[in-house]
N, C-alpha and C. Protein backbone atom coordinates (compact mmCIF):
# COMPACT_ATOMS: atom_id res chain seq x y z
N MET A 1 34.00 2.97 28.53
CA MET A 1 34.90 3.17 29.62
C MET A 1 34.29 2.58 30.91
N GLY A 2 32.98 2.59 31.02
CA GLY A 2 32.33 2.06 32.21
C GLY A 2 32.60 0.59 32.42
N VAL A 3 32.55 -0.20 31.34
CA VAL A 3 32.83 -1.63 31.43
C VAL A 3 34.26 -1.84 31.90
N ASN A 4 35.17 -1.06 31.37
CA ASN A 4 36.58 -1.15 31.72
C ASN A 4 36.79 -0.87 33.21
N VAL A 5 36.27 0.24 33.68
CA VAL A 5 36.48 0.64 35.07
C VAL A 5 35.78 -0.31 36.04
N LEU A 6 34.56 -0.72 35.71
CA LEU A 6 33.84 -1.65 36.57
C LEU A 6 34.56 -2.99 36.67
N THR A 7 35.01 -3.50 35.54
CA THR A 7 35.75 -4.76 35.53
C THR A 7 37.05 -4.62 36.34
N LEU A 8 37.74 -3.52 36.15
CA LEU A 8 38.97 -3.27 36.91
C LEU A 8 38.68 -3.27 38.41
N HIS A 9 37.67 -2.56 38.81
CA HIS A 9 37.34 -2.46 40.24
C HIS A 9 37.00 -3.84 40.83
N VAL A 10 36.21 -4.61 40.12
CA VAL A 10 35.83 -5.94 40.60
C VAL A 10 37.06 -6.83 40.73
N LEU A 11 37.92 -6.83 39.72
CA LEU A 11 39.11 -7.68 39.77
C LEU A 11 40.05 -7.30 40.90
N VAL A 12 40.27 -5.99 41.07
CA VAL A 12 41.15 -5.54 42.16
C VAL A 12 40.53 -5.88 43.52
N SER A 13 39.21 -5.78 43.60
CA SER A 13 38.51 -6.15 44.85
C SER A 13 38.72 -7.61 45.21
N PHE A 14 38.93 -8.45 44.20
CA PHE A 14 39.18 -9.87 44.43
C PHE A 14 40.67 -10.18 44.55
N GLY A 15 41.51 -9.14 44.65
CA GLY A 15 42.91 -9.34 44.92
C GLY A 15 43.83 -9.42 43.71
N VAL A 16 43.31 -9.15 42.53
CA VAL A 16 44.15 -9.17 41.33
C VAL A 16 45.00 -7.90 41.32
N TYR A 17 46.29 -8.04 41.02
CA TYR A 17 47.21 -6.90 40.93
C TYR A 17 46.66 -5.88 39.94
N TYR A 18 46.73 -4.59 40.28
CA TYR A 18 46.06 -3.56 39.50
C TYR A 18 46.46 -3.51 38.03
N LEU A 19 47.74 -3.78 37.70
CA LEU A 19 48.13 -3.75 36.28
C LEU A 19 47.57 -4.95 35.53
N ALA A 20 47.60 -6.12 36.14
CA ALA A 20 46.99 -7.30 35.51
C ALA A 20 45.49 -7.10 35.36
N ALA A 21 44.86 -6.53 36.37
CA ALA A 21 43.42 -6.25 36.32
C ALA A 21 43.11 -5.22 35.24
N SER A 22 43.99 -4.26 35.06
CA SER A 22 43.81 -3.25 34.02
C SER A 22 43.84 -3.88 32.63
N ILE A 23 44.75 -4.81 32.42
CA ILE A 23 44.85 -5.50 31.14
C ILE A 23 43.60 -6.35 30.89
N CYS A 24 43.16 -7.06 31.91
CA CYS A 24 41.94 -7.88 31.77
C CYS A 24 40.72 -7.00 31.49
N ALA A 25 40.61 -5.92 32.22
CA ALA A 25 39.47 -5.01 32.04
C ALA A 25 39.46 -4.43 30.64
N PHE A 26 40.63 -4.08 30.15
CA PHE A 26 40.74 -3.53 28.80
C PHE A 26 40.32 -4.58 27.77
N SER A 27 40.65 -5.83 28.01
CA SER A 27 40.29 -6.92 27.09
C SER A 27 38.79 -7.17 27.06
N VAL A 28 38.15 -7.15 28.23
CA VAL A 28 36.69 -7.31 28.29
C VAL A 28 36.03 -6.15 27.55
N ALA A 29 36.55 -4.97 27.76
CA ALA A 29 36.00 -3.80 27.09
C ALA A 29 36.18 -3.86 25.58
N LEU A 30 37.17 -4.62 25.10
CA LEU A 30 37.39 -4.78 23.65
C LEU A 30 36.14 -5.33 22.97
N LEU A 31 35.64 -6.43 23.46
CA LEU A 31 34.48 -7.06 22.83
C LEU A 31 33.24 -6.18 22.96
N VAL A 32 32.99 -5.70 24.16
CA VAL A 32 31.82 -4.85 24.38
C VAL A 32 31.94 -3.58 23.53
N GLY A 33 33.11 -3.00 23.52
CA GLY A 33 33.34 -1.78 22.74
C GLY A 33 33.14 -1.97 21.25
N PHE A 34 33.65 -3.07 20.72
CA PHE A 34 33.49 -3.33 19.29
C PHE A 34 32.02 -3.43 18.92
N LEU A 35 31.29 -4.21 19.69
CA LEU A 35 29.87 -4.39 19.40
C LEU A 35 29.10 -3.07 19.49
N LEU A 36 29.39 -2.27 20.49
CA LEU A 36 28.71 -0.99 20.63
C LEU A 36 29.12 0.00 19.54
N GLN A 37 30.42 0.07 19.24
CA GLN A 37 30.89 1.00 18.20
C GLN A 37 30.30 0.64 16.85
N LYS A 38 30.36 -0.63 16.52
CA LYS A 38 29.88 -1.09 15.22
C LYS A 38 28.38 -0.88 15.05
N ASN A 39 27.62 -1.31 16.03
CA ASN A 39 26.17 -1.34 15.87
C ASN A 39 25.44 -0.08 16.33
N TRP A 40 26.01 0.63 17.28
CA TRP A 40 25.28 1.77 17.83
C TRP A 40 25.91 3.09 17.37
N THR A 41 27.18 3.30 17.67
CA THR A 41 27.81 4.58 17.35
C THR A 41 27.87 4.83 15.85
N PHE A 42 28.39 3.86 15.11
CA PHE A 42 28.59 4.04 13.67
C PHE A 42 27.52 3.37 12.82
N GLN A 43 26.64 2.62 13.43
CA GLN A 43 25.56 1.91 12.74
C GLN A 43 26.06 1.19 11.49
N ALA A 44 27.21 0.55 11.63
CA ALA A 44 27.81 -0.22 10.55
C ALA A 44 27.39 -1.67 10.72
N ARG A 45 26.14 -1.93 10.43
CA ARG A 45 25.56 -3.23 10.75
C ARG A 45 25.82 -4.30 9.70
N SER A 46 26.53 -3.98 8.65
CA SER A 46 26.81 -4.99 7.63
C SER A 46 27.69 -6.09 8.21
N VAL A 47 27.38 -7.29 7.85
CA VAL A 47 28.11 -8.44 8.36
C VAL A 47 29.36 -8.71 7.52
N GLY A 48 29.33 -8.34 6.25
CA GLY A 48 30.40 -8.65 5.32
C GLY A 48 31.77 -8.15 5.74
N ARG A 49 31.85 -6.99 6.33
CA ARG A 49 33.14 -6.42 6.73
C ARG A 49 33.44 -6.64 8.21
N ALA A 50 32.61 -7.36 8.91
CA ALA A 50 32.75 -7.49 10.37
C ALA A 50 34.09 -8.09 10.77
N LYS A 51 34.57 -9.11 10.05
CA LYS A 51 35.85 -9.74 10.41
C LYS A 51 37.00 -8.76 10.22
N ILE A 52 36.98 -8.05 9.11
CA ILE A 52 38.03 -7.05 8.85
C ILE A 52 37.97 -5.94 9.89
N GLN A 53 36.76 -5.46 10.16
CA GLN A 53 36.60 -4.40 11.14
C GLN A 53 37.07 -4.85 12.52
N PHE A 54 36.71 -6.08 12.90
CA PHE A 54 37.14 -6.57 14.21
C PHE A 54 38.66 -6.71 14.27
N GLY A 55 39.26 -7.18 13.19
CA GLY A 55 40.72 -7.30 13.16
C GLY A 55 41.40 -5.95 13.34
N MET A 56 40.92 -4.94 12.62
CA MET A 56 41.50 -3.60 12.76
C MET A 56 41.21 -3.04 14.16
N TYR A 57 40.00 -3.25 14.62
CA TYR A 57 39.61 -2.78 15.95
C TYR A 57 40.48 -3.43 17.03
N ALA A 58 40.68 -4.74 16.91
CA ALA A 58 41.50 -5.47 17.89
C ALA A 58 42.96 -5.01 17.84
N ALA A 59 43.49 -4.78 16.64
CA ALA A 59 44.87 -4.30 16.51
C ALA A 59 45.02 -2.93 17.17
N LEU A 60 44.08 -2.05 16.90
CA LEU A 60 44.12 -0.73 17.53
C LEU A 60 43.98 -0.86 19.04
N THR A 61 43.14 -1.76 19.48
CA THR A 61 42.95 -1.96 20.91
C THR A 61 44.22 -2.47 21.59
N LEU A 62 44.96 -3.34 20.90
CA LEU A 62 46.23 -3.82 21.47
C LEU A 62 47.23 -2.67 21.63
N VAL A 63 47.28 -1.81 20.64
CA VAL A 63 48.14 -0.62 20.76
C VAL A 63 47.65 0.24 21.93
N ASN A 64 46.34 0.42 21.99
CA ASN A 64 45.75 1.21 23.07
C ASN A 64 46.00 0.58 24.44
N LEU A 65 46.00 -0.74 24.49
CA LEU A 65 46.29 -1.44 25.74
C LEU A 65 47.67 -1.08 26.26
N GLY A 66 48.64 -1.08 25.38
CA GLY A 66 50.00 -0.69 25.78
C GLY A 66 50.05 0.74 26.27
N ILE A 67 49.43 1.64 25.52
CA ILE A 67 49.41 3.05 25.91
C ILE A 67 48.69 3.23 27.24
N ASN A 68 47.52 2.58 27.37
CA ASN A 68 46.73 2.69 28.60
C ASN A 68 47.51 2.15 29.79
N THR A 69 48.18 1.02 29.63
CA THR A 69 48.92 0.42 30.74
C THR A 69 50.05 1.33 31.20
N VAL A 70 50.73 1.95 30.27
CA VAL A 70 51.80 2.90 30.62
C VAL A 70 51.22 4.10 31.38
N ILE A 71 50.10 4.60 30.90
CA ILE A 71 49.46 5.75 31.57
C ILE A 71 49.05 5.37 32.98
N VAL A 72 48.41 4.21 33.16
CA VAL A 72 47.98 3.77 34.49
C VAL A 72 49.20 3.61 35.40
N TYR A 73 50.23 2.97 34.90
CA TYR A 73 51.44 2.76 35.70
C TYR A 73 52.06 4.10 36.15
N VAL A 74 52.21 5.02 35.22
CA VAL A 74 52.81 6.32 35.55
C VAL A 74 51.94 7.07 36.55
N CYS A 75 50.63 7.07 36.32
CA CYS A 75 49.73 7.78 37.23
C CYS A 75 49.75 7.20 38.64
N VAL A 76 49.82 5.87 38.76
CA VAL A 76 49.81 5.24 40.09
C VAL A 76 51.18 5.32 40.76
N GLU A 77 52.21 4.91 40.05
CA GLU A 77 53.53 4.79 40.66
C GLU A 77 54.27 6.12 40.82
N TYR A 78 54.09 7.05 39.89
CA TYR A 78 54.84 8.30 39.94
C TYR A 78 54.00 9.50 40.38
N LEU A 79 52.73 9.52 39.99
CA LEU A 79 51.87 10.64 40.37
C LEU A 79 51.05 10.31 41.62
N HIS A 80 51.13 9.04 42.07
CA HIS A 80 50.47 8.57 43.29
C HIS A 80 48.95 8.80 43.26
N LEU A 81 48.36 8.58 42.09
CA LEU A 81 46.92 8.67 41.95
C LEU A 81 46.29 7.33 42.26
N ASN A 82 45.03 7.33 42.62
CA ASN A 82 44.26 6.11 42.84
C ASN A 82 44.19 5.35 41.52
N TYR A 83 44.24 4.02 41.59
CA TYR A 83 44.24 3.21 40.38
C TYR A 83 42.99 3.41 39.52
N LEU A 84 41.83 3.66 40.16
CA LEU A 84 40.61 3.90 39.37
C LEU A 84 40.69 5.23 38.62
N LEU A 85 41.18 6.27 39.28
CA LEU A 85 41.35 7.55 38.62
C LEU A 85 42.36 7.43 37.48
N ALA A 86 43.43 6.68 37.73
CA ALA A 86 44.44 6.46 36.69
C ALA A 86 43.82 5.75 35.48
N GLN A 87 42.97 4.78 35.74
CA GLN A 87 42.31 4.06 34.65
C GLN A 87 41.37 4.97 33.87
N VAL A 88 40.63 5.82 34.57
CA VAL A 88 39.73 6.76 33.89
C VAL A 88 40.54 7.70 33.00
N ILE A 89 41.66 8.18 33.49
CA ILE A 89 42.51 9.07 32.70
C ILE A 89 43.04 8.33 31.48
N GLY A 90 43.60 7.15 31.68
CA GLY A 90 44.16 6.37 30.58
C GLY A 90 43.12 6.00 29.54
N ALA A 91 42.01 5.46 30.00
CA ALA A 91 40.95 5.04 29.07
C ALA A 91 40.34 6.24 28.36
N GLY A 92 40.21 7.34 29.06
CA GLY A 92 39.66 8.55 28.43
C GLY A 92 40.54 9.07 27.31
N LEU A 93 41.83 9.14 27.56
CA LEU A 93 42.76 9.62 26.53
C LEU A 93 42.78 8.69 25.32
N VAL A 94 42.80 7.40 25.59
CA VAL A 94 42.82 6.41 24.51
C VAL A 94 41.51 6.45 23.72
N SER A 95 40.39 6.62 24.41
CA SER A 95 39.09 6.64 23.75
C SER A 95 38.94 7.82 22.80
N VAL A 96 39.36 8.98 23.24
CA VAL A 96 39.24 10.17 22.40
C VAL A 96 40.08 10.04 21.14
N SER A 97 41.31 9.61 21.28
CA SER A 97 42.17 9.47 20.10
C SER A 97 41.67 8.37 19.17
N SER A 98 41.13 7.31 19.74
CA SER A 98 40.65 6.19 18.92
C SER A 98 39.42 6.53 18.11
N TYR A 99 38.59 7.40 18.62
CA TYR A 99 37.36 7.76 17.91
C TYR A 99 37.66 8.23 16.49
N PHE A 100 38.70 9.01 16.34
CA PHE A 100 39.05 9.52 15.02
C PHE A 100 39.52 8.40 14.08
N ILE A 101 40.22 7.44 14.61
CA ILE A 101 40.65 6.29 13.80
C ILE A 101 39.46 5.43 13.41
N TYR A 102 38.52 5.24 14.33
CA TYR A 102 37.31 4.50 14.01
C TYR A 102 36.55 5.17 12.87
N THR A 103 36.42 6.48 12.97
CA THR A 103 35.66 7.24 11.98
C THR A 103 36.32 7.22 10.61
N LEU A 104 37.63 7.40 10.57
CA LEU A 104 38.33 7.53 9.30
C LEU A 104 38.67 6.21 8.63
N TYR A 105 38.83 5.13 9.41
CA TYR A 105 39.32 3.89 8.83
C TYR A 105 38.46 2.66 9.11
N ILE A 106 38.17 2.40 10.37
CA ILE A 106 37.58 1.12 10.72
C ILE A 106 36.11 1.03 10.35
N PHE A 107 35.33 2.03 10.72
CA PHE A 107 33.89 1.98 10.46
C PHE A 107 33.47 2.95 9.36
N LYS A 108 34.41 3.36 8.56
CA LYS A 108 34.12 4.26 7.44
C LYS A 108 33.16 3.56 6.49
N PRO A 109 32.07 4.23 6.12
CA PRO A 109 31.11 3.61 5.20
C PRO A 109 31.75 3.31 3.85
N VAL A 110 31.45 2.16 3.32
CA VAL A 110 31.96 1.75 2.01
C VAL A 110 30.95 2.21 0.97
N LEU A 111 31.43 2.92 -0.02
CA LEU A 111 30.52 3.42 -1.06
C LEU A 111 30.40 2.47 -2.21
C-alpha cells in the first residue's frame, strides 16, 4: 500500500488528476506487489508457475483497480475525504480481501 500511496502523492503533486494518478499508482503497485507477495509473503520462489501466477495476480489486480477507483471516487466526491485518505481506505479494503484469494488460489503450494 505504501508504494501505491507514495506514487499517488507524487503524481498528484505534479498536477495529475487524482483518479488518473490513482490508476497509475495502482499499476505501479501491481509489479512491486507481485514480486513481494510471491517471494516474501508466500515464499513461492518457483519459476515454473510464475507466468500463471502473474496472470492470475494481474487479473485480480484489474478487478481490484476498478473496485479501488470506485471507492476513491465515492470517498472524495461524496464523502469529501482527502484523496490520500480515500486511497488508503480503498487500497486497504482491496488488500485485505485479496490476501485470501492469494492464499487459496494464486500462491497456493503445488503438491
